[in-house]
Amino acid sequence: MPSYTITVNGLEISFKTDADFERIQVAQALLEERFSELSKGGRYISREKLLTLLALGMADDYLETRRKLAALEARMQELLERR
């Protein structure tokens, strides 16, 4: 399993994963973009608060995506049963 070291919001992180480097780079870019959005407005937000807000936002996105997937799967099942 390859290991990677990336920097996100000034924090160096090392980890191992089966994901390829391109996937890691896309994820890193998304995190940096979200950090940038959260820290807009010129006011100081601690790194801990930024990380917490980021985690909450990403968790919400994940849960919403799961909900939409479940709805799509239910709709597909409905359509298959009509046949």
C-alpha atoms as a PDB file:
ATOM      1  CA  MET A   1       0.000   0.000   0.000  1.00  0.00           C
ATOM      2  CA  PRO A   2       1.559   3.323  -1.050  1.00  0.00           C
ATOM      3  CA  SER A   3       2.140   6.070   1.493  1.00  0.00           C
ATOM      4  CA  TYR A   4       1.595   9.762   0.859  1.00  0.00           C
ATOM      5  CA  THR A   5       2.492  13.010   2.583  1.00  0.00           C
ATOM      6  CA  ILE A   6       0.359  16.033   1.732  1.00  0.00           C
ATOM      7  CA  THR A   7      -0.119  19.470   3.217  1.00  0.00           C
ATOM      8  CA  VAL A   8      -3.637  20.701   3.908  1.00  0.00           C
ATOM      9  CA  ASN A   9      -4.167  24.150   5.402  1.00  0.00           C
ATOM     10  CA  GLY A  10      -0.525  24.242   6.452  1.00  0.00           C
ATOM     11  CA  LEU A  11      -0.756  20.897   8.239  1.00  0.00           C
ATOM     12  CA  GLU A  12       1.484  18.082   6.935  1.00  0.00           C
ATOM     13  CA  ILE A  13      -0.260  14.709   6.956  1.00  0.00           C
ATOM     14  CA  SER A  14       1.259  11.292   6.166  1.00  0.00           C
ATOM     15  CA  PHE A  15      -0.903   8.249   5.512  1.00  0.00           C
ATOM     16  CA  LYS A  16      -1.189   5.004   3.556  1.00  0.00           C
ATOM     17  CA  THR A  17      -4.002   4.201   1.155  1.00  0.00           C
ATOM     18  CA  ASP A  18      -4.812   2.155  -1.923  1.00  0.00           C
ATOM     19  CA  ALA A  19      -6.079   5.307  -3.678  1.00  0.00           C
ATOM     20  CA  ASP A  20      -3.977   6.513  -6.585  1.00  0.00           C
ATOM     21  CA  PHE A  21      -2.082   9.800  -6.431  1.00  0.00           C
ATOM     22  CA  GLU A  22      -4.494  11.606  -8.764  1.00  0.00           C
ATOM     23  CA  ARG A  23      -7.391  10.808  -6.419  1.00  0.00           C
ATOM     24  CA  ILE A  24      -5.338  12.108  -3.462  1.00  0.00           C
ATOM     25  CA  GLN A  25      -4.598  15.344  -5.338  1.00  0.00           C
ATOM     26  CA  VAL A  26      -8.283  15.889  -6.188  1.00  0.00           C
ATOM     27  CA  ALA A  27      -9.257  15.312  -2.544  1.00  0.00           C
ATOM     28  CA  GLN A  28      -6.513  17.674  -1.364  1.00  0.00           C
ATOM     29  CA  ALA A  29      -7.702  20.373  -3.789  1.00  0.00           C
ATOM     30  CA  LEU A  30     -11.289  19.983  -2.542  1.00  0.00           C
ATOM     31  CA  LEU A  31     -10.156  20.364   1.065  1.00  0.00           C
ATOM     32  CA  GLU A  32      -8.080  23.445   0.257  1.00  0.00           C
ATOM     33  CA  GLU A  33     -11.036  24.961  -1.622  1.00  0.00           C
ATOM     34  CA  ARG A  34     -13.382  24.318   1.311  1.00  0.00           C
ATOM     35  CA  PHE A  35     -10.851  25.713   3.787  1.00  0.00           C
ATOM     36  CA  SER A  36     -10.580  28.826   1.642  1.00  0.00           C
ATOM     37  CA  GLU A  37     -14.376  29.257   1.554  1.00  0.00           C
ATOM     38  CA  LEU A  38     -14.675  28.803   5.321  1.00  0.00           C
ATOM     39  CA  SER A  39     -11.937  31.295   6.114  1.00  0.00           C
ATOM     40  CA  LYS A  40     -13.297  34.051   3.836  1.00  0.00           C
ATOM     41  CA  GLY A  41     -14.495  37.241   5.413  1.00  0.00           C
ATOM     42  CA  GLY A  42     -11.228  38.316   6.923  1.00  0.00           C
ATOM     43  CA  ARG A  43     -11.907  37.094  10.440  1.00  0.00           C
ATOM     44  CA  TYR A  44      -9.635  34.667  12.219  1.00  0.00           C
ATOM     45  CA  ILE A  45     -10.924  31.144  12.766  1.00  0.00           C
ATOM     46  CA  SER A  46      -8.748  28.673  14.626  1.00  0.00           C
ATOM     47  CA  ARG A  47      -7.464  25.627  12.776  1.00  0.00           C
ATOM     48  CA  GLU A  48      -9.504  23.405  15.111  1.00  0.00           C
ATOM     49  CA  LYS A  49     -12.720  25.274  14.273  1.00  0.00           C
ATOM     50  CA  LEU A  50     -11.905  25.182  10.563  1.00  0.00           C
ATOM     51  CA  LEU A  51     -11.288  21.433  10.740  1.00  0.00           C
ATOM     52  CA  THR A  52     -14.524  20.903  12.670  1.00  0.00           C
ATOM     53  CA  LEU A  53     -16.552  22.996  10.225  1.00  0.00           C
ATOM     54  CA  LEU A  54     -14.938  21.176   7.324  1.00  0.00           C
ATOM     55  CA  ALA A  55     -15.706  17.781   8.860  1.00  0.00           C
ATOM     56  CA  LEU A  56     -19.330  18.776   9.504  1.00  0.00           C
ATOM     57  CA  GLY A  57     -19.727  20.082   5.958  1.00  0.00           C
ATOM     58  CA  MET A  58     -18.164  16.983   4.410  1.00  0.00           C
ATOM     59  CA  ALA A  59     -20.274  14.696   6.630  1.00  0.00           C
ATOM     60  CA  ASP A  60     -23.408  16.569   5.572  1.00  0.00           C
ATOM     61  CA  ASP A  61     -22.434  16.254   1.895  1.00  0.00           C
ATOM     62  CA  TYR A  62     -21.802  12.537   2.370  1.00  0.00           C
ATOM     63  CA  LEU A  63     -25.135  11.957   4.124  1.00  0.00           C
ATOM     64  CA  GLU A  64     -27.021  13.933   1.477  1.00  0.00           C
ATOM     65  CA  THR A  65     -25.310  11.944  -1.283  1.00  0.00           C
ATOM     66  CA  ARG A  66     -26.251   8.679   0.455  1.00  0.00           C
ATOM     67  CA  ARG A  67     -29.868   9.868   0.728  1.00  0.00           C
ATOM     68  CA  LYS A  68     -29.973  10.743  -2.980  1.00  0.00           C
ATOM     69  CA  LEU A  69     -28.406   7.408  -3.914  1.00  0.00           C
ATOM     70  CA  ALA A  70     -30.976   5.521  -1.837  1.00  0.00           C
ATOM     71  CA  ALA A  71     -33.779   7.468  -3.549  1.00  0.00           C
ATOM     72  CA  LEU A  72     -32.321   6.673  -6.984  1.00  0.00           C
ATOM     73  CA  GLU A  73     -31.959   2.998  -6.112  1.00  0.00           C
ATOM     74  CA  ALA A  74     -35.552   2.900  -4.870  1.00  0.00           C
ATOM     75  CA  ARG A  75     -36.727   4.564  -8.089  1.00  0.00           C
ATOM     76  CA  MET A  76     -34.732   2.100 -10.212  1.00  0.00           C
ATOM     77  CA  GLN A  77     -36.219  -0.808  -8.273  1.00  0.00           C
ATOM     78  CA  GLU A  78     -39.684   0.638  -8.859  1.00  0.00           C
ATOM     79  CA  LEU A  79     -39.050   0.866 -12.585  1.00  0.00           C
ATOM     80  CA  LEU A  80     -37.688  -2.694 -12.716  1.00  0.00           C
ATOM     81  CA  GLU A  81     -40.734  -4.049 -10.917  1.00  0.00           C
ATOM     82  CA  ARG A  82     -43.060  -2.435 -13.462  1.00  0.00           C
ATOM     83  CA  ARG A  83     -41.684  -4.639 -16.216  1.00  0.00           C
END
